Amino acid sequence: MYSVTACYACYMASRQIDLDEESDRILSGLAQDYQGDLGKALGDLLRAHESIEAFVAGCEEDHRDALLAQRERGERGFREGRFTTWDEVKRRNDL
């Protein structure tokens, strides 16, 4: 058991990070689900982010042709003057 703990410690990294107040509050709240362990909470959060990024990349690849066609239609609409930018809408309406 001691060797497992020692090996586990070999793979740990230590970092000092600065968080704004809201991020610190959110992380502290999340850490409550991990018995107050900020490191575990942050680690799971990072792994979840990586999983989401992989999911999105997979979806984009699976629907690549449709997404490219949508982008081309949108760009063509702007080139042909059929669409107006949001900035132009706001300018025209004094928003």
Protein backbone atom coordinates (compact mmCIF):
# COMPACT_ATOMS: atom_id res chain seq x y z
CA MET A 1 0.00 0.00 0.00
CA TYR A 2 2.85 2.40 0.77
CA SER A 3 4.38 1.88 -2.68
CA VAL A 4 1.06 2.68 -4.35
CA THR A 5 0.82 5.93 -2.38
CA ALA A 6 4.40 6.81 -3.25
CA CYS A 7 3.78 6.03 -6.92
CA TYR A 8 0.58 8.06 -6.90
CA ALA A 9 2.48 11.01 -5.45
CA CYS A 10 5.00 10.77 -8.30
CA TYR A 11 2.27 11.67 -10.78
CA MET A 12 0.96 14.71 -8.94
CA ALA A 13 1.74 18.24 -10.06
CA SER A 14 1.60 21.28 -7.86
CA ARG A 15 0.56 24.67 -9.24
CA GLN A 16 -0.32 28.00 -7.77
CA ILE A 17 -3.20 29.71 -9.52
CA ASP A 18 -4.95 33.03 -9.02
CA LEU A 19 -8.74 33.04 -9.34
CA ASP A 20 -11.20 35.89 -9.37
CA GLU A 21 -13.75 35.88 -6.54
CA GLU A 22 -16.56 34.32 -8.57
CA SER A 23 -14.37 31.50 -9.90
CA ASP A 24 -13.08 30.83 -6.40
CA ARG A 25 -16.65 30.67 -5.08
CA ILE A 26 -17.68 28.26 -7.84
CA LEU A 27 -14.64 26.03 -7.32
CA SER A 28 -15.16 26.00 -3.56
CA GLY A 29 -18.77 24.98 -4.06
CA LEU A 30 -17.75 22.24 -6.47
CA ALA A 31 -15.08 21.03 -4.04
CA GLN A 32 -17.80 20.33 -1.46
CA ASP A 33 -18.78 17.36 -3.65
CA TYR A 34 -15.18 16.12 -3.20
CA GLN A 35 -15.02 16.47 0.58
CA GLY A 36 -13.41 19.88 0.16
CA ASP A 37 -10.54 18.62 -2.03
CA LEU A 38 -9.98 21.45 -4.52
CA GLY A 39 -7.41 19.40 -6.45
CA LYS A 40 -9.82 16.54 -7.11
CA ALA A 41 -12.61 18.94 -8.04
CA LEU A 42 -10.40 20.84 -10.47
CA GLY A 43 -8.99 17.61 -11.91
CA ASP A 44 -12.47 16.24 -12.65
CA LEU A 45 -13.50 19.59 -14.10
CA LEU A 46 -10.52 19.55 -16.48
CA ARG A 47 -11.19 15.96 -17.52
CA ALA A 48 -14.85 16.84 -18.17
CA HIS A 49 -13.75 19.78 -20.31
CA GLU A 50 -11.47 17.50 -22.33
CA SER A 51 -14.33 15.02 -22.80
CA ILE A 52 -16.65 17.79 -24.00
CA GLU A 53 -14.03 19.08 -26.43
CA ALA A 54 -13.58 15.55 -27.84
CA PHE A 55 -17.36 15.14 -28.15
CA VAL A 56 -17.70 18.47 -30.00
CA ALA A 57 -14.80 17.62 -32.32
CA GLY A 58 -16.43 14.28 -33.11
CA CYS A 59 -19.78 15.94 -33.84
CA GLU A 60 -18.12 18.52 -36.07
CA GLU A 61 -16.34 15.76 -37.99
CA ASP A 62 -19.52 13.68 -38.30
CA HIS A 63 -21.44 16.67 -39.69
CA ARG A 64 -18.57 18.30 -41.56
CA ASP A 65 -20.30 18.47 -44.95
CA ALA A 66 -23.50 20.00 -43.56
CA LEU A 67 -21.55 22.55 -41.49
CA LEU A 68 -19.43 23.56 -44.47
CA ALA A 69 -22.55 23.95 -46.61
CA GLN A 70 -24.18 26.15 -43.95
CA ARG A 71 -21.08 28.32 -43.71
CA GLU A 72 -20.90 28.67 -47.47
CA ARG A 73 -24.59 29.69 -47.67
CA GLY A 74 -24.05 32.29 -44.95
CA GLU A 75 -20.92 33.71 -46.55
CA ARG A 76 -22.59 33.78 -49.96
CA GLY A 77 -25.56 35.65 -48.46
CA PHE A 78 -23.23 38.34 -47.10
CA ARG A 79 -21.30 38.58 -50.37
CA GLU A 80 -24.54 38.96 -52.30
CA GLY A 81 -25.88 41.54 -49.85
CA ARG A 82 -28.84 39.42 -48.71
CA PHE A 83 -27.81 39.46 -45.04
CA THR A 84 -27.03 42.32 -42.69
CA THR A 85 -24.54 42.22 -39.83
CA TRP A 86 -25.80 42.72 -36.29
CA ASP A 87 -23.67 45.87 -36.02
CA GLU A 88 -25.44 47.29 -39.08
CA VAL A 89 -28.88 46.44 -37.63
CA LYS A 90 -27.97 48.22 -34.39
CA ARG A 91 -26.63 51.24 -36.29
CA ARG A 92 -29.76 51.54 -38.44
CA ASN A 93 -32.01 51.32 -35.39
CA ASP A 94 -29.92 53.54 -33.09
CA LEU A 95 -29.37 50.66 -30.65
